C-alpha atoms as a PDB file:
ATOM      1  CA  MET A   1     -39.825  18.485 -63.799  1.00  0.00           C
ATOM      2  CA  PRO A   2     -40.645  18.678 -60.099  1.00  0.00           C
ATOM      3  CA  ALA A   3     -41.063  14.880 -60.056  1.00  0.00           C
ATOM      4  CA  ARG A   4     -37.587  14.423 -61.524  1.00  0.00           C
ATOM      5  CA  LEU A   5     -36.101  16.802 -59.004  1.00  0.00           C
ATOM      6  CA  SER A   6     -37.732  14.944 -56.087  1.00  0.00           C
ATOM      7  CA  ALA A   7     -36.596  11.552 -57.379  1.00  0.00           C
ATOM      8  CA  PHE A   8     -33.096  13.023 -57.785  1.00  0.00           C
ATOM      9  CA  ALA A   9     -33.110  14.425 -54.335  1.00  0.00           C
ATOM     10  CA  LEU A  10     -34.344  11.140 -52.949  1.00  0.00           C
ATOM     11  CA  ALA A  11     -31.554   9.140 -54.617  1.00  0.00           C
ATOM     12  CA  ALA A  12     -28.976  11.631 -53.457  1.00  0.00           C
ATOM     13  CA  SER A  13     -30.256  11.281 -49.908  1.00  0.00           C
ATOM     14  CA  PHE A  14     -29.999   7.459 -50.067  1.00  0.00           C
ATOM     15  CA  LEU A  15     -26.452   7.716 -51.427  1.00  0.00           C
ATOM     16  CA  THR A  16     -25.430  10.097 -48.624  1.00  0.00           C
ATOM     17  CA  LEU A  17     -26.941   7.937 -45.926  1.00  0.00           C
ATOM     18  CA  SER A  18     -25.400   4.771 -47.339  1.00  0.00           C
ATOM     19  CA  ALA A  19     -21.939   6.372 -47.323  1.00  0.00           C
ATOM     20  CA  CYS A  20     -22.351   7.368 -43.676  1.00  0.00           C
ATOM     21  CA  SER A  21     -23.617   3.993 -42.465  1.00  0.00           C
ATOM     22  CA  SER A  22     -20.269   2.083 -42.586  1.00  0.00           C
ATOM     23  CA  GLY A  23     -18.842   3.978 -39.615  1.00  0.00           C
ATOM     24  CA  PRO A  24     -15.180   3.948 -38.704  1.00  0.00           C
ATOM     25  CA  VAL A  25     -12.921   1.394 -40.208  1.00  0.00           C
ATOM     26  CA  ARG A  26     -12.418  -1.565 -38.035  1.00  0.00           C
ATOM     27  CA  ARG A  27      -8.853  -2.808 -38.459  1.00  0.00           C
ATOM     28  CA  VAL A  28      -7.392  -5.695 -36.469  1.00  0.00           C
ATOM     29  CA  SER A  29      -3.579  -5.831 -36.556  1.00  0.00           C
ATOM     30  CA  GLU A  30      -1.011  -8.133 -35.137  1.00  0.00           C
ATOM     31  CA  PRO A  31      -0.143  -7.231 -31.648  1.00  0.00           C
ATOM     32  CA  THR A  32       3.297  -7.474 -30.148  1.00  0.00           C
ATOM     33  CA  ALA A  33       5.158  -7.895 -26.765  1.00  0.00           C
ATOM     34  CA  SER A  34       8.405  -6.609 -25.433  1.00  0.00           C
ATOM     35  CA  ILE A  35      10.145  -6.361 -22.090  1.00  0.00           C
ATOM     36  CA  GLN A  36       9.792  -2.873 -20.547  1.00  0.00           C
ATOM     37  CA  GLN A  37      11.906  -3.667 -17.497  1.00  0.00           C
ATOM     38  CA  LEU A  38      13.485  -6.603 -15.870  1.00  0.00           C
ATOM     39  CA  ARG A  39      14.621  -6.307 -12.257  1.00  0.00           C
ATOM     40  CA  VAL A  40      16.453  -8.916 -10.194  1.00  0.00           C
ATOM     41  CA  ARG A  41      14.925  -9.548  -6.782  1.00  0.00           C
ATOM     42  CA  ALA A  42      16.988 -10.352  -3.738  1.00  0.00           C
ATOM     43  CA  ASP A  43      15.838 -14.065  -3.943  1.00  0.00           C
ATOM     44  CA  GLY A  44      17.171 -14.301  -7.446  1.00  0.00           C
ATOM     45  CA  ALA A  45      13.750 -14.210  -9.141  1.00  0.00           C
ATOM     46  CA  TRP A  46      12.942 -11.493 -11.752  1.00  0.00           C
ATOM     47  CA  ASP A  47      10.280  -8.965 -11.761  1.00  0.00           C
ATOM     48  CA  VAL A  48       9.448  -8.396 -15.410  1.00  0.00           C
ATOM     49  CA  GLN A  49       7.209  -5.752 -16.880  1.00  0.00           C
ATOM     50  CA  LEU A  50       5.897  -7.064 -20.254  1.00  0.00           C
ATOM     51  CA  ARG A  51       4.602  -4.414 -22.592  1.00  0.00           C
ATOM     52  CA  LEU A  52       1.686  -5.520 -24.709  1.00  0.00           C
ATOM     53  CA  GLN A  53       1.044  -3.377 -27.765  1.00  0.00           C
ATOM     54  CA  ASN A  54      -2.277  -3.200 -29.511  1.00  0.00           C
ATOM     55  CA  TYR A  55      -1.891  -1.779 -33.138  1.00  0.00           C
ATOM     56  CA  SER A  56      -5.575  -2.399 -33.970  1.00  0.00           C
ATOM     57  CA  SER A  57      -8.245   0.351 -34.331  1.00  0.00           C
ATOM     58  CA  VAL A  58     -10.385  -1.465 -31.740  1.00  0.00           C
ATOM     59  CA  PRO A  59      -9.785  -2.432 -28.124  1.00  0.00           C
ATOM     60  CA  MET A  60      -8.219  -5.804 -27.595  1.00  0.00           C
ATOM     61  CA  ARG A  61      -8.184  -8.151 -24.617  1.00  0.00           C
ATOM     62  CA  PHE A  62      -4.873  -9.881 -24.078  1.00  0.00           C
ATOM     63  CA  ASP A  63      -5.745 -13.359 -22.721  1.00  0.00           C
ATOM     64  CA  ARG A  64      -2.516 -15.441 -22.762  1.00  0.00           C
ATOM     65  CA  THR A  65       1.230 -15.234 -23.458  1.00  0.00           C
ATOM     66  CA  ALA A  66       3.258 -18.290 -24.074  1.00  0.00           C
ATOM     67  CA  LEU A  67       6.643 -16.692 -24.690  1.00  0.00           C
ATOM     68  CA  ALA A  68      10.242 -17.918 -24.382  1.00  0.00           C
ATOM     69  CA  LEU A  69      12.796 -15.352 -23.285  1.00  0.00           C
ATOM     70  CA  ALA A  70      16.262 -15.966 -24.574  1.00  0.00           C
ATOM     71  CA  PHE A  71      19.570 -14.082 -24.386  1.00  0.00           C
ATOM     72  CA  ASP A  72      22.499 -14.356 -26.773  1.00  0.00           C
ATOM     73  CA  ASN A  73      23.681 -17.514 -24.864  1.00  0.00           C
ATOM     74  CA  GLY A  74      20.297 -19.298 -24.991  1.00  0.00           C
ATOM     75  CA  PRO A  75      17.057 -19.782 -23.084  1.00  0.00           C
ATOM     76  CA  ALA A  76      16.586 -17.586 -19.997  1.00  0.00           C
ATOM     77  CA  ALA A  77      12.948 -17.887 -18.743  1.00  0.00           C
ATOM     78  CA  ARG A  78       9.356 -18.448 -19.788  1.00  0.00           C
ATOM     79  CA  LEU A  79       6.600 -15.857 -19.664  1.00  0.00           C
ATOM     80  CA  ASP A  80       3.457 -18.116 -19.644  1.00  0.00           C
ATOM     81  CA  LEU A  81       0.953 -15.619 -18.346  1.00  0.00           C
ATOM     82  CA  GLN A  82      -2.818 -14.961 -18.423  1.00  0.00           C
ATOM     83  CA  PRO A  83      -2.926 -11.207 -18.108  1.00  0.00           C
ATOM     84  CA  GLY A  84      -6.575 -10.668 -18.829  1.00  0.00           C
ATOM     85  CA  LEU A  85      -5.667  -7.117 -19.782  1.00  0.00           C
ATOM     86  CA  ASP A  86      -7.865  -4.831 -21.883  1.00  0.00           C
ATOM     87  CA  VAL A  87      -5.774  -2.430 -24.105  1.00  0.00           C
ATOM     88  CA  GLY A  88      -7.408   0.404 -26.005  1.00  0.00           C
ATOM     89  CA  PRO A  89      -7.026   0.961 -29.768  1.00  0.00           C
ATOM     90  CA  GLU A  90      -3.460   1.734 -30.916  1.00  0.00           C
ATOM     91  CA  SER A  91      -2.256   1.717 -27.314  1.00  0.00           C
ATOM     92  CA  ALA A  92      -0.057  -0.305 -24.920  1.00  0.00           C
ATOM     93  CA  ASP A  93      -0.143  -1.438 -21.387  1.00  0.00           C
ATOM     94  CA  VAL A  94       2.061  -3.373 -19.080  1.00  0.00           C
ATOM     95  CA  VAL A  95       1.582  -6.612 -17.201  1.00  0.00           C
ATOM     96  CA  ASN A  96       3.843  -7.442 -14.240  1.00  0.00           C
ATOM     97  CA  ALA A  97       5.189 -10.934 -13.612  1.00  0.00           C
ATOM     98  CA  THR A  98       7.593 -12.609 -11.294  1.00  0.00           C
ATOM     99  CA  LEU A  99       9.668 -15.228 -13.040  1.00  0.00           C
ATOM    100  CA  ALA A 100      12.066 -17.955 -11.890  1.00  0.00           C
ATOM    101  CA  PRO A 101      14.893 -17.691 -14.494  1.00  0.00           C
ATOM    102  CA  LEU A 102      16.981 -20.580 -15.748  1.00  0.00           C
ATOM    103  CA  PRO A 103      20.503 -20.732 -14.406  1.00  0.00           C
ATOM    104  CA  ALA A 104      21.993 -19.569 -17.714  1.00  0.00           C
ATOM    105  CA  GLY A 105      19.587 -16.626 -17.861  1.00  0.00           C
ATOM    106  CA  ARG A 106      20.375 -15.684 -14.232  1.00  0.00           C
ATOM    107  CA  ALA A 107      24.159 -15.716 -14.968  1.00  0.00           C
ATOM    108  CA  ARG A 108      23.744 -13.699 -18.146  1.00  0.00           C
ATOM    109  CA  VAL A 109      21.710 -10.962 -16.435  1.00  0.00           C
ATOM    110  CA  ALA A 110      24.249 -10.836 -13.493  1.00  0.00           C
ATOM    111  CA  ALA A 111      27.163 -10.451 -15.950  1.00  0.00           C
ATOM    112  CA  ALA A 112      25.380  -7.651 -17.865  1.00  0.00           C
ATOM    113  CA  LEU A 113      24.652  -5.795 -14.670  1.00  0.00           C
ATOM    114  CA  ALA A 114      28.180  -6.286 -13.253  1.00  0.00           C
ATOM    115  CA  ASP A 115      29.665  -5.032 -16.539  1.00  0.00           C
ATOM    116  CA  GLY A 116      27.137  -2.236 -17.102  1.00  0.00           C
ATOM    117  CA  ALA A 117      26.560  -3.797 -20.483  1.00  0.00           C
ATOM    118  CA  SER A 118      23.566  -4.042 -22.778  1.00  0.00           C
ATOM    119  CA  LEU A 119      21.859  -7.387 -23.215  1.00  0.00           C
ATOM    120  CA  SER A 120      20.198  -8.537 -26.501  1.00  0.00           C
ATOM    121  CA  TYR A 121      17.084 -10.660 -26.019  1.00  0.00           C
ATOM    122  CA  THR A 122      14.495 -12.512 -27.998  1.00  0.00           C
ATOM    123  CA  LEU A 123      10.878 -13.179 -27.152  1.00  0.00           C
ATOM    124  CA  SER A 124       9.334 -16.011 -29.196  1.00  0.00           C
ATOM    125  CA  GLY A 125       6.150 -17.955 -28.989  1.00  0.00           C
ATOM    126  CA  SER A 126       2.550 -16.931 -29.095  1.00  0.00           C
ATOM    127  CA  LEU A 127       0.178 -14.277 -27.915  1.00  0.00           C
ATOM    128  CA  ASP A 128      -3.583 -14.823 -27.650  1.00  0.00           C
ATOM    129  CA  ALA A 129      -5.930 -11.814 -27.801  1.00  0.00           C
ATOM    130  CA  THR A 130      -9.512 -11.045 -28.485  1.00  0.00           C
ATOM    131  CA  PRO A 131     -10.413  -7.919 -30.497  1.00  0.00           C
ATOM    132  CA  GLN A 132     -13.540  -6.211 -29.241  1.00  0.00           C
ATOM    133  CA  ASP A 133     -16.665  -7.981 -30.630  1.00  0.00           C
ATOM    134  CA  GLY A 134     -14.454 -10.595 -32.318  1.00  0.00           C
ATOM    135  CA  LYS A 135     -13.095 -14.126 -31.798  1.00  0.00           C
ATOM    136  CA  GLN A 136      -9.943 -14.920 -29.900  1.00  0.00           C
ATOM    137  CA  ARG A 137      -6.948 -15.230 -32.099  1.00  0.00           C
ATOM    138  CA  SER A 138      -3.410 -16.525 -31.576  1.00  0.00           C
ATOM    139  CA  TRP A 139      -0.428 -14.566 -33.145  1.00  0.00           C
ATOM    140  CA  THR A 140       3.099 -15.823 -33.417  1.00  0.00           C
ATOM    141  CA  ILE A 141       5.557 -13.493 -31.789  1.00  0.00           C
ATOM    142  CA  GLN A 142       9.246 -13.094 -32.696  1.00  0.00           C
ATOM    143  CA  ARG A 143      10.640  -9.945 -31.142  1.00  0.00           C
ATOM    144  CA  GLU A 144      14.355  -8.929 -30.845  1.00  0.00           C
ATOM    145  CA  SER A 145      15.424  -6.049 -28.704  1.00  0.00           C
ATOM    146  CA  VAL A 146      18.006  -4.842 -26.266  1.00  0.00           C
ATOM    147  CA  LEU A 147      17.922  -4.223 -22.450  1.00  0.00           C
ATOM    148  CA  SER A 148      20.352  -1.880 -20.780  1.00  0.00           C
ATOM    149  CA  PRO A 149      21.212  -1.323 -17.173  1.00  0.00           C
ATOM    150  CA  VAL A 150      19.235   1.585 -15.527  1.00  0.00           C
ATOM    151  CA  PRO A 151      21.573   4.212 -13.926  1.00  0.00           C
ATOM    152  CA  GLY A 152      20.442   4.800 -10.292  1.00  0.00           C
ATOM    153  CA  LEU A 153      18.185   1.682 -10.221  1.00  0.00           C
ATOM    154  CA  PRO A 154      20.488  -1.262  -9.083  1.00  0.00           C
ATOM    155  CA  GLY A 155      19.566  -4.680 -10.527  1.00  0.00           C
ATOM    156  CA  ALA A 156      17.336  -3.189 -13.319  1.00  0.00           C
ATOM    157  CA  LEU A 157      17.459  -3.378 -17.086  1.00  0.00           C
ATOM    158  CA  ARG A 158      15.266  -1.429 -19.451  1.00  0.00           C
END
């Protein structure tokens, strides 16, 4: 009997240890990008705050964005950036960029600001990111959202 009990105890110990060895689940999910703020500079360029969202359970390094910004009337600007930004698990961070908008984009933002109106936008393209201890991957981004004028902050949309 004692030999059976010690064999059973040994087997139970191995099962318990093997259940603990896997550690936390490592989930890599598709990241996304959106515009947190667009502000028109005096020289006509735009200061853009691009929000990079990591939905993974591990940290991710955002290496490159190749995104086209379009408004309802067509192409507005390009966000071709190399942020080199590390974002923690299930978190977001912002990268700042100064863009030279296309004439149609500049006109559309000026009209929205003058009218105090919202502005629908689309970000499309790709986002390259590297999960912690993983290989760099490229994700296709297609994001639609809306920017609205910011009260008390002239020339800014959020």
